Each structure stands twice: as C-alpha cells, then as structure tokens.
N, C-alpha and C. Protein backbone atom coordinates (compact mmCIF):
# COMPACT_ATOMS: atom_id res chain seq x y z
N MET A 1 0.84 -1.18 0.00
CA MET A 1 0.00 0.00 0.00
C MET A 1 0.88 1.23 0.00
N ASP A 2 0.50 2.24 -0.74
CA ASP A 2 1.27 3.47 -0.86
C ASP A 2 0.41 4.63 -0.37
N GLN A 3 0.74 5.15 0.78
CA GLN A 3 -0.06 6.22 1.38
C GLN A 3 -0.15 7.44 0.47
N ASP A 4 0.88 7.70 -0.36
CA ASP A 4 0.89 8.86 -1.23
C ASP A 4 -0.17 8.81 -2.31
N THR A 5 -0.72 7.64 -2.61
CA THR A 5 -1.69 7.52 -3.69
C THR A 5 -3.11 7.79 -3.21
N GLY A 6 -3.32 7.88 -1.93
CA GLY A 6 -4.67 8.06 -1.41
C GLY A 6 -5.34 6.75 -1.02
N TRP A 7 -4.74 5.63 -1.39
CA TRP A 7 -5.27 4.33 -0.99
C TRP A 7 -4.82 4.04 0.44
N SER A 8 -5.71 3.48 1.25
CA SER A 8 -5.36 3.14 2.62
C SER A 8 -6.12 1.90 3.06
N ASP A 9 -5.70 1.32 4.17
CA ASP A 9 -6.39 0.13 4.70
C ASP A 9 -7.86 0.45 4.92
N TYR A 10 -8.71 -0.40 4.38
CA TYR A 10 -10.15 -0.25 4.55
C TYR A 10 -10.51 -0.50 6.01
N GLU A 11 -11.32 0.37 6.58
CA GLU A 11 -11.73 0.28 7.99
C GLU A 11 -10.54 0.05 8.91
N ALA A 12 -9.44 0.74 8.61
CA ALA A 12 -8.21 0.67 9.42
C ALA A 12 -7.70 -0.76 9.59
N GLY A 13 -7.97 -1.61 8.61
CA GLY A 13 -7.47 -2.98 8.65
C GLY A 13 -8.37 -3.95 9.41
N ALA A 14 -9.53 -3.51 9.86
CA ALA A 14 -10.42 -4.37 10.65
C ALA A 14 -10.94 -5.58 9.88
N THR A 15 -10.95 -5.52 8.57
CA THR A 15 -11.48 -6.63 7.76
C THR A 15 -10.44 -7.71 7.49
N LEU A 16 -9.18 -7.41 7.72
CA LEU A 16 -8.10 -8.37 7.44
C LEU A 16 -8.24 -9.61 8.31
N GLY A 17 -8.08 -10.77 7.69
CA GLY A 17 -8.18 -12.03 8.42
C GLY A 17 -9.59 -12.59 8.50
N GLY A 18 -10.58 -11.80 8.14
CA GLY A 18 -11.96 -12.27 8.14
C GLY A 18 -12.31 -12.92 6.82
N GLU A 19 -13.49 -13.51 6.76
CA GLU A 19 -13.95 -14.14 5.53
C GLU A 19 -14.47 -13.07 4.59
N GLY A 20 -14.07 -13.16 3.33
CA GLY A 20 -14.50 -12.21 2.32
C GLY A 20 -15.75 -12.66 1.60
N SER A 21 -16.25 -11.82 0.73
CA SER A 21 -17.49 -12.09 0.01
C SER A 21 -17.38 -13.26 -0.95
N GLN A 22 -16.15 -13.65 -1.32
CA GLN A 22 -15.96 -14.77 -2.24
C GLN A 22 -15.58 -16.06 -1.51
N GLY A 23 -15.57 -16.04 -0.18
CA GLY A 23 -15.31 -17.25 0.60
C GLY A 23 -13.87 -17.48 0.98
N GLY A 24 -12.99 -16.55 0.65
CA GLY A 24 -11.59 -16.66 1.06
C GLY A 24 -11.32 -15.80 2.28
N ILE A 25 -10.09 -15.79 2.73
CA ILE A 25 -9.67 -14.97 3.86
C ILE A 25 -9.13 -13.65 3.30
N VAL A 26 -9.60 -12.54 3.84
CA VAL A 26 -9.17 -11.23 3.38
C VAL A 26 -7.72 -11.00 3.81
N VAL A 27 -6.84 -10.86 2.82
CA VAL A 27 -5.42 -10.64 3.11
C VAL A 27 -4.98 -9.22 2.78
N ARG A 28 -5.80 -8.53 2.02
CA ARG A 28 -5.52 -7.14 1.68
C ARG A 28 -6.84 -6.47 1.35
N ASP A 29 -7.07 -5.30 1.91
CA ASP A 29 -8.34 -4.61 1.70
C ASP A 29 -8.06 -3.11 1.77
N GLU A 30 -8.21 -2.43 0.65
CA GLU A 30 -7.86 -1.02 0.60
C GLU A 30 -8.99 -0.20 -0.01
N GLY A 31 -9.11 1.02 0.48
CA GLY A 31 -10.12 1.94 -0.02
C GLY A 31 -9.47 3.23 -0.49
N TYR A 32 -10.23 3.96 -1.28
CA TYR A 32 -9.74 5.21 -1.85
C TYR A 32 -10.86 6.24 -1.76
N ARG A 33 -10.63 7.29 -1.01
CA ARG A 33 -11.57 8.42 -0.88
C ARG A 33 -12.98 8.00 -0.53
N GLY A 34 -13.14 6.91 0.16
CA GLY A 34 -14.44 6.50 0.66
C GLY A 34 -15.40 5.89 -0.34
N ASN A 35 -15.05 5.89 -1.63
CA ASN A 35 -16.00 5.30 -2.57
C ASN A 35 -15.42 4.20 -3.47
N LEU A 36 -14.10 3.98 -3.42
CA LEU A 36 -13.49 2.90 -4.19
C LEU A 36 -12.92 1.87 -3.23
N ARG A 37 -12.95 0.61 -3.63
CA ARG A 37 -12.42 -0.44 -2.74
C ARG A 37 -11.90 -1.60 -3.56
N LEU A 38 -10.78 -2.15 -3.10
CA LEU A 38 -10.20 -3.37 -3.65
C LEU A 38 -9.95 -4.33 -2.50
N THR A 39 -10.50 -5.54 -2.61
CA THR A 39 -10.35 -6.55 -1.57
C THR A 39 -9.73 -7.80 -2.18
N TYR A 40 -8.63 -8.25 -1.60
CA TYR A 40 -7.94 -9.45 -2.06
C TYR A 40 -8.16 -10.54 -1.03
N GLU A 41 -8.70 -11.66 -1.49
CA GLU A 41 -8.94 -12.83 -0.64
C GLU A 41 -8.10 -14.00 -1.16
N ALA A 42 -7.69 -14.84 -0.24
CA ALA A 42 -6.91 -16.01 -0.63
C ALA A 42 -7.25 -17.21 0.25
N ASP A 43 -7.03 -18.37 -0.32
CA ASP A 43 -7.11 -19.64 0.40
C ASP A 43 -6.12 -20.56 -0.31
N GLU A 44 -4.91 -20.60 0.20
CA GLU A 44 -3.84 -21.38 -0.46
C GLU A 44 -4.18 -22.86 -0.56
N ALA A 45 -4.95 -23.38 0.38
CA ALA A 45 -5.31 -24.80 0.35
C ALA A 45 -6.12 -25.14 -0.90
N ARG A 46 -6.83 -24.16 -1.42
CA ARG A 46 -7.65 -24.36 -2.63
C ARG A 46 -7.03 -23.69 -3.85
N SER A 47 -5.82 -23.13 -3.71
CA SER A 47 -5.21 -22.34 -4.79
C SER A 47 -6.19 -21.26 -5.25
N PHE A 48 -6.80 -20.61 -4.29
CA PHE A 48 -7.86 -19.64 -4.55
C PHE A 48 -7.35 -18.23 -4.24
N HIS A 49 -7.50 -17.35 -5.21
CA HIS A 49 -7.14 -15.95 -5.04
C HIS A 49 -8.19 -15.13 -5.77
N SER A 50 -8.78 -14.17 -5.10
CA SER A 50 -9.77 -13.33 -5.78
C SER A 50 -9.57 -11.88 -5.36
N ILE A 51 -9.95 -11.01 -6.26
CA ILE A 51 -9.97 -9.58 -5.99
C ILE A 51 -11.36 -9.10 -6.35
N THR A 52 -11.98 -8.42 -5.41
CA THR A 52 -13.26 -7.79 -5.69
C THR A 52 -13.03 -6.29 -5.68
N CYS A 53 -13.40 -5.65 -6.78
CA CYS A 53 -13.27 -4.20 -6.84
C CYS A 53 -14.66 -3.60 -6.79
N GLY A 54 -14.74 -2.43 -6.21
CA GLY A 54 -16.03 -1.79 -6.09
C GLY A 54 -15.97 -0.28 -6.17
N ILE A 55 -17.06 0.27 -6.67
CA ILE A 55 -17.30 1.71 -6.64
C ILE A 55 -18.67 1.87 -6.03
N ALA A 56 -18.74 2.54 -4.89
CA ALA A 56 -19.98 2.67 -4.14
C ALA A 56 -21.13 3.14 -5.04
N GLY A 57 -22.20 2.34 -5.03
CA GLY A 57 -23.39 2.67 -5.79
C GLY A 57 -23.35 2.31 -7.26
N TRP A 58 -22.19 1.82 -7.74
CA TRP A 58 -22.03 1.57 -9.16
C TRP A 58 -21.60 0.16 -9.53
N LEU A 59 -20.60 -0.37 -8.82
CA LEU A 59 -19.94 -1.56 -9.33
C LEU A 59 -19.43 -2.43 -8.19
N ARG A 60 -19.58 -3.73 -8.37
CA ARG A 60 -18.93 -4.74 -7.52
C ARG A 60 -18.56 -5.86 -8.47
N HIS A 61 -17.25 -6.01 -8.71
CA HIS A 61 -16.77 -6.93 -9.74
C HIS A 61 -15.67 -7.84 -9.18
N PRO A 62 -15.94 -9.15 -9.06
CA PRO A 62 -14.90 -10.08 -8.60
C PRO A 62 -14.08 -10.64 -9.76
N ARG A 63 -12.81 -10.88 -9.48
CA ARG A 63 -11.91 -11.54 -10.43
C ARG A 63 -11.22 -12.69 -9.70
N PHE A 64 -10.82 -13.71 -10.43
CA PHE A 64 -10.22 -14.89 -9.82
C PHE A 64 -8.89 -15.21 -10.48
N PHE A 65 -7.95 -15.72 -9.65
CA PHE A 65 -6.59 -15.97 -10.09
C PHE A 65 -6.11 -17.30 -9.53
N TYR A 66 -5.09 -17.88 -10.19
CA TYR A 66 -4.50 -19.13 -9.72
C TYR A 66 -3.39 -18.92 -8.70
N THR A 67 -2.69 -17.78 -8.81
CA THR A 67 -1.54 -17.57 -7.92
C THR A 67 -1.61 -16.21 -7.23
N ALA A 68 -0.90 -16.14 -6.10
CA ALA A 68 -0.81 -14.88 -5.36
C ALA A 68 -0.09 -13.82 -6.20
N GLU A 69 0.90 -14.24 -6.96
CA GLU A 69 1.65 -13.30 -7.80
C GLU A 69 0.74 -12.64 -8.83
N GLU A 70 -0.09 -13.43 -9.50
CA GLU A 70 -1.04 -12.88 -10.48
C GLU A 70 -2.01 -11.91 -9.80
N ALA A 71 -2.53 -12.30 -8.66
CA ALA A 71 -3.49 -11.46 -7.95
C ALA A 71 -2.86 -10.16 -7.48
N THR A 72 -1.64 -10.23 -6.98
CA THR A 72 -0.96 -9.03 -6.50
C THR A 72 -0.70 -8.06 -7.64
N ARG A 73 -0.26 -8.57 -8.77
CA ARG A 73 -0.05 -7.70 -9.95
C ARG A 73 -1.36 -7.05 -10.38
N ALA A 74 -2.41 -7.83 -10.41
CA ALA A 74 -3.72 -7.30 -10.83
C ALA A 74 -4.24 -6.26 -9.85
N PHE A 75 -4.03 -6.50 -8.56
CA PHE A 75 -4.48 -5.56 -7.53
C PHE A 75 -3.88 -4.19 -7.81
N GLU A 76 -2.58 -4.15 -8.04
CA GLU A 76 -1.90 -2.88 -8.29
C GLU A 76 -2.31 -2.26 -9.63
N ALA A 77 -2.51 -3.09 -10.65
CA ALA A 77 -2.90 -2.59 -11.97
C ALA A 77 -4.31 -2.00 -11.96
N MET A 78 -5.16 -2.53 -11.10
CA MET A 78 -6.54 -2.07 -11.07
C MET A 78 -6.69 -0.73 -10.36
N LYS A 79 -5.78 -0.38 -9.48
CA LYS A 79 -5.92 0.87 -8.72
C LYS A 79 -6.10 2.09 -9.62
N PRO A 80 -5.14 2.37 -10.53
CA PRO A 80 -5.32 3.58 -11.34
C PRO A 80 -6.54 3.51 -12.26
N ALA A 81 -6.85 2.33 -12.77
CA ALA A 81 -8.01 2.18 -13.64
C ALA A 81 -9.30 2.43 -12.87
N LEU A 82 -9.36 1.95 -11.64
CA LEU A 82 -10.55 2.16 -10.81
C LEU A 82 -10.68 3.64 -10.43
N GLU A 83 -9.56 4.28 -10.14
CA GLU A 83 -9.58 5.73 -9.85
C GLU A 83 -10.10 6.50 -11.05
N GLU A 84 -9.61 6.16 -12.24
CA GLU A 84 -10.03 6.84 -13.46
C GLU A 84 -11.53 6.66 -13.70
N LEU A 85 -12.00 5.44 -13.55
CA LEU A 85 -13.42 5.17 -13.73
C LEU A 85 -14.24 5.91 -12.69
N GLY A 86 -13.83 5.83 -11.44
CA GLY A 86 -14.56 6.50 -10.36
C GLY A 86 -14.68 8.00 -10.57
N ALA A 87 -13.66 8.61 -11.17
CA ALA A 87 -13.68 10.06 -11.41
C ALA A 87 -14.71 10.44 -12.47
N LYS A 88 -15.13 9.49 -13.29
CA LYS A 88 -16.11 9.77 -14.35
C LYS A 88 -17.55 9.53 -13.92
N LEU A 89 -17.74 9.00 -12.71
CA LEU A 89 -19.08 8.65 -12.23
C LEU A 89 -19.50 9.56 -11.09
N SER A 90 -20.80 9.80 -10.98
CA SER A 90 -21.28 10.60 -9.86
C SER A 90 -21.12 9.81 -8.57
N GLU A 91 -20.75 10.50 -7.52
CA GLU A 91 -20.50 9.84 -6.25
C GLU A 91 -21.77 9.20 -5.69
N GLY A 92 -21.66 7.95 -5.27
CA GLY A 92 -22.76 7.24 -4.63
C GLY A 92 -23.72 6.53 -5.54
N GLY A 93 -23.55 6.66 -6.83
CA GLY A 93 -24.44 5.98 -7.76
C GLY A 93 -25.12 6.95 -8.71
N PRO A 94 -25.91 6.42 -9.63
CA PRO A 94 -26.56 7.27 -10.62
C PRO A 94 -27.58 8.21 -9.98
N ARG A 95 -27.62 9.41 -10.49
CA ARG A 95 -28.57 10.42 -9.99
C ARG A 95 -29.85 10.45 -10.83
N SER A 96 -29.78 9.83 -11.99
CA SER A 96 -30.94 9.77 -12.88
C SER A 96 -30.79 8.56 -13.79
N THR A 97 -31.85 8.25 -14.49
CA THR A 97 -31.79 7.16 -15.46
C THR A 97 -30.76 7.47 -16.54
N ALA A 98 -30.75 8.72 -16.98
CA ALA A 98 -29.79 9.12 -18.02
C ALA A 98 -28.35 8.98 -17.51
N ASP A 99 -28.13 9.31 -16.25
CA ASP A 99 -26.81 9.17 -15.63
C ASP A 99 -26.38 7.71 -15.66
N GLY A 100 -27.27 6.83 -15.29
CA GLY A 100 -26.98 5.40 -15.29
C GLY A 100 -26.72 4.88 -16.69
N GLN A 101 -27.51 5.32 -17.64
CA GLN A 101 -27.32 4.87 -19.03
C GLN A 101 -26.00 5.36 -19.60
N ALA A 102 -25.62 6.58 -19.28
CA ALA A 102 -24.35 7.12 -19.77
C ALA A 102 -23.16 6.36 -19.18
N ALA A 103 -23.31 5.87 -17.95
CA ALA A 103 -22.23 5.15 -17.29
C ALA A 103 -22.09 3.72 -17.78
N GLY A 104 -23.14 3.17 -18.36
CA GLY A 104 -23.13 1.77 -18.79
C GLY A 104 -21.92 1.38 -19.62
N PRO A 105 -21.60 2.10 -20.68
CA PRO A 105 -20.43 1.73 -21.49
C PRO A 105 -19.11 1.84 -20.73
N LEU A 106 -19.01 2.82 -19.84
CA LEU A 106 -17.78 2.96 -19.03
C LEU A 106 -17.59 1.76 -18.12
N LEU A 107 -18.67 1.36 -17.46
CA LEU A 107 -18.62 0.21 -16.56
C LEU A 107 -18.34 -1.08 -17.34
N ALA A 108 -18.99 -1.23 -18.48
CA ALA A 108 -18.80 -2.43 -19.31
C ALA A 108 -17.34 -2.51 -19.78
N ASP A 109 -16.78 -1.39 -20.21
CA ASP A 109 -15.38 -1.40 -20.66
C ASP A 109 -14.44 -1.83 -19.54
N PHE A 110 -14.70 -1.34 -18.33
CA PHE A 110 -13.86 -1.71 -17.19
C PHE A 110 -13.96 -3.20 -16.91
N VAL A 111 -15.18 -3.72 -16.87
CA VAL A 111 -15.39 -5.14 -16.57
C VAL A 111 -14.74 -6.02 -17.64
N VAL A 112 -14.86 -5.64 -18.89
CA VAL A 112 -14.23 -6.42 -19.97
C VAL A 112 -12.71 -6.36 -19.83
N ARG A 113 -12.19 -5.19 -19.57
CA ARG A 113 -10.73 -5.05 -19.43
C ARG A 113 -10.19 -5.87 -18.27
N PHE A 114 -10.95 -5.92 -17.18
CA PHE A 114 -10.50 -6.62 -15.98
C PHE A 114 -11.36 -7.84 -15.69
N SER A 115 -11.42 -8.73 -16.64
CA SER A 115 -12.15 -10.00 -16.46
C SER A 115 -11.20 -11.16 -16.60
C-alpha cells in the first residue's frame, strides 16, 4: 500500500483475516476516498485468489486468479483504472436514469478489461 496515492487500509485494517465475500480470507483490503475499494482474498489450500473491486453505488466486480503473484499484480494494476473510472461517475451511484445509461459503457469497458 502506498499512502501517497490516497489508498489506505479499509476500515483501518479491521477486515483483514476475516472471511470475504468470495469465501476466502481477506489478506488485503484497501479503499480510496471513501467510494473505491479493492479486496484481495486467498485460500492457499484451494489455490484460490480473488480480488473484488467496487465503486460505491455503481460496481462490484470479482476476479479470480490461480496464484498470489497474479493477484498481487492485478491488484496494483486495477488501482489507477478504478480511480479513473470512479472520477467519471457521480458519487454514490446514478442520480438519474440518463446518468446510469451514460455510465453503462464505461462500466462495461472496465469489466471487460479486468475480467
């Protein structure tokens, strides 16, 4: 984690070691400006590694990996892309139907890029 980027431990690290939304143990959980989040879960016994990225009110997207190395690289690669996407969306979710429709292609591009 790099404090200079604005990313920090989510809930001051309180989620670390707990069970994540994908059934693994949370080994890394970081947030950015209160509306972006990346959570890395692992279970070495199952060769399970997942990253769930989220933008409050807009997106919750899980990804799965075979190795910790792949997941760690992806975690770092997703940070700037998630920041860029988050900057294009209204905070907290769509404010109107038109807002949601305009965001659709942006969200779809992100999901395709990080699938």
